[in-house]
C-alpha cells in the first residue's frame, strides 16, 4: 500500500504548488543539500523538485 502523502508548500513560484491550498501537487519530492557536503542543520537543505512556473 502506498503512503498517503501531504506536502505543504507556500512557494508560489513553483509550478507544482497549488496556491489556493498551499500544497505541492507532486506525489513525492526530492530534498537535497544546497552544497555537496554533509548537512548538520535543516536550513542547509532545499526542495530539489522545484521547477519555476513560467506562467
N, C-alpha and C. Protein backbone atom coordinates (compact mmCIF):
# COMPACT_ATOMS: atom_id res chain seq x y z
N UNK A 1 0.85 -1.18 0.00
CA UNK A 1 0.00 0.00 0.00
C UNK A 1 0.89 1.24 0.00
N UNK A 2 0.61 2.17 -0.88
CA UNK A 2 1.36 3.42 -0.96
C UNK A 2 0.97 4.35 0.19
N UNK A 3 1.95 5.06 0.77
CA UNK A 3 1.61 6.02 1.82
C UNK A 3 0.81 7.19 1.24
N UNK A 4 0.00 7.79 2.06
CA UNK A 4 -0.81 8.94 1.67
C UNK A 4 -0.04 10.19 2.07
N UNK A 5 0.61 10.84 1.11
CA UNK A 5 1.46 11.99 1.40
C UNK A 5 0.68 13.30 1.30
N UNK A 6 1.01 14.22 2.16
CA UNK A 6 0.52 15.60 2.07
C UNK A 6 1.75 16.47 2.23
N UNK A 7 2.09 17.23 1.20
CA UNK A 7 3.28 18.06 1.22
C UNK A 7 2.83 19.52 1.22
N UNK A 8 2.95 20.17 2.36
CA UNK A 8 2.60 21.59 2.46
C UNK A 8 3.67 22.42 1.76
N UNK A 9 3.24 23.46 1.04
CA UNK A 9 4.19 24.31 0.32
C UNK A 9 3.61 25.70 0.12
N UNK A 10 4.41 26.72 0.41
CA UNK A 10 3.99 28.10 0.20
C UNK A 10 4.86 28.81 -0.84
N UNK A 11 5.62 28.04 -1.62
CA UNK A 11 6.49 28.61 -2.65
C UNK A 11 5.66 28.85 -3.91
N UNK A 12 5.09 30.04 -4.03
CA UNK A 12 4.16 30.33 -5.12
C UNK A 12 4.81 30.34 -6.50
N UNK A 13 6.13 30.48 -6.58
CA UNK A 13 6.79 30.49 -7.89
C UNK A 13 7.02 29.09 -8.45
N UNK A 14 6.73 28.03 -7.67
CA UNK A 14 6.93 26.66 -8.14
C UNK A 14 5.73 26.20 -8.94
N UNK A 15 5.98 25.59 -10.10
CA UNK A 15 4.88 25.13 -10.96
C UNK A 15 4.07 24.00 -10.34
N UNK A 16 4.59 23.31 -9.33
CA UNK A 16 3.87 22.22 -8.69
C UNK A 16 3.04 22.67 -7.49
N UNK A 17 3.10 23.95 -7.15
CA UNK A 17 2.38 24.47 -5.99
C UNK A 17 0.93 24.78 -6.34
N UNK A 18 0.00 24.29 -5.51
CA UNK A 18 -1.40 24.68 -5.61
C UNK A 18 -1.57 25.83 -4.62
N UNK A 19 -1.53 27.05 -5.13
CA UNK A 19 -1.54 28.23 -4.29
C UNK A 19 -2.79 28.38 -3.45
N UNK A 20 -3.93 27.90 -3.96
CA UNK A 20 -5.18 28.01 -3.20
C UNK A 20 -5.14 27.17 -1.92
N UNK A 21 -4.52 26.00 -2.02
CA UNK A 21 -4.48 25.08 -0.88
C UNK A 21 -3.10 25.05 -0.21
N UNK A 22 -2.12 25.75 -0.79
CA UNK A 22 -0.73 25.74 -0.30
C UNK A 22 -0.21 24.31 -0.16
N UNK A 23 -0.39 23.53 -1.24
CA UNK A 23 0.05 22.14 -1.26
C UNK A 23 0.88 21.88 -2.51
N UNK A 24 1.85 20.99 -2.39
CA UNK A 24 2.63 20.52 -3.52
C UNK A 24 1.81 19.44 -4.22
N UNK A 25 1.70 19.52 -5.53
CA UNK A 25 0.90 18.57 -6.28
C UNK A 25 1.68 17.31 -6.69
N UNK A 26 2.97 17.24 -6.39
CA UNK A 26 3.76 16.05 -6.69
C UNK A 26 3.44 14.94 -5.69
N UNK A 27 3.56 13.69 -6.12
CA UNK A 27 3.35 12.57 -5.21
C UNK A 27 4.50 12.43 -4.22
N UNK A 28 5.68 12.90 -4.63
CA UNK A 28 6.87 12.84 -3.77
C UNK A 28 7.79 13.98 -4.18
N UNK A 29 8.64 14.42 -3.27
CA UNK A 29 9.64 15.43 -3.58
C UNK A 29 11.02 14.90 -3.22
N UNK A 30 12.03 15.51 -3.81
CA UNK A 30 13.42 15.17 -3.52
C UNK A 30 14.02 16.33 -2.74
N UNK A 31 14.51 16.06 -1.55
CA UNK A 31 15.16 17.07 -0.72
C UNK A 31 16.66 16.82 -0.77
N UNK A 32 17.42 17.87 -1.06
CA UNK A 32 18.87 17.73 -1.24
C UNK A 32 19.60 18.84 -0.51
N UNK A 33 20.86 18.59 -0.14
CA UNK A 33 21.66 19.66 0.47
C UNK A 33 21.94 20.74 -0.57
N UNK A 34 22.09 21.98 -0.12
CA UNK A 34 22.36 23.08 -1.04
C UNK A 34 23.76 22.98 -1.63
N UNK A 35 24.66 22.31 -0.97
CA UNK A 35 26.01 22.08 -1.47
C UNK A 35 26.30 20.59 -1.33
N UNK A 36 27.31 20.11 -2.01
CA UNK A 36 27.66 18.69 -1.94
C UNK A 36 28.48 18.37 -0.69
N UNK A 37 27.88 18.64 0.46
CA UNK A 37 28.53 18.35 1.75
C UNK A 37 27.49 17.76 2.67
N UNK A 38 27.95 17.10 3.73
CA UNK A 38 27.02 16.60 4.74
C UNK A 38 26.39 17.79 5.45
N UNK A 39 25.08 17.73 5.65
CA UNK A 39 24.38 18.82 6.31
C UNK A 39 24.21 18.53 7.80
N UNK A 40 24.28 19.56 8.60
CA UNK A 40 24.10 19.43 10.03
C UNK A 40 22.84 20.15 10.52
N UNK A 41 22.31 21.06 9.69
CA UNK A 41 21.10 21.78 10.08
C UNK A 41 20.10 21.76 8.92
N UNK A 42 18.82 21.87 9.25
CA UNK A 42 17.76 21.79 8.25
C UNK A 42 17.83 22.91 7.22
N UNK A 43 18.31 24.09 7.60
CA UNK A 43 18.34 25.20 6.65
C UNK A 43 19.43 25.05 5.59
N UNK A 44 20.18 23.96 5.64
CA UNK A 44 21.16 23.67 4.59
C UNK A 44 20.57 22.81 3.49
N UNK A 45 19.28 22.47 3.59
CA UNK A 45 18.64 21.64 2.58
C UNK A 45 17.57 22.44 1.84
N UNK A 46 17.17 21.90 0.68
CA UNK A 46 16.15 22.57 -0.12
C UNK A 46 15.39 21.54 -0.94
N UNK A 47 14.26 21.94 -1.50
CA UNK A 47 13.47 21.07 -2.35
C UNK A 47 14.12 21.02 -3.74
N UNK A 48 14.69 19.89 -4.07
CA UNK A 48 15.34 19.74 -5.37
C UNK A 48 14.33 19.43 -6.48
N UNK A 49 13.05 19.27 -6.12
CA UNK A 49 11.99 19.03 -7.11
C UNK A 49 11.40 20.33 -7.64
N UNK A 50 11.84 21.47 -7.11
CA UNK A 50 11.32 22.77 -7.50
C UNK A 50 11.51 23.02 -8.99
N UNK A 51 10.47 23.52 -9.63
CA UNK A 51 10.55 23.98 -11.02
C UNK A 51 9.82 25.32 -11.10
N UNK A 52 10.46 26.30 -11.74
CA UNK A 52 9.88 27.63 -11.87
C UNK A 52 8.63 27.60 -12.74
N UNK A 53 7.59 28.24 -12.30
CA UNK A 53 6.34 28.34 -13.06
C UNK A 53 6.43 29.57 -13.96
N UNK A 54 6.55 29.37 -15.24
CA UNK A 54 6.73 30.48 -16.18
C UNK A 54 5.43 31.20 -16.53
N UNK A 55 4.30 30.75 -16.01
CA UNK A 55 3.02 31.39 -16.33
C UNK A 55 2.78 32.62 -15.55
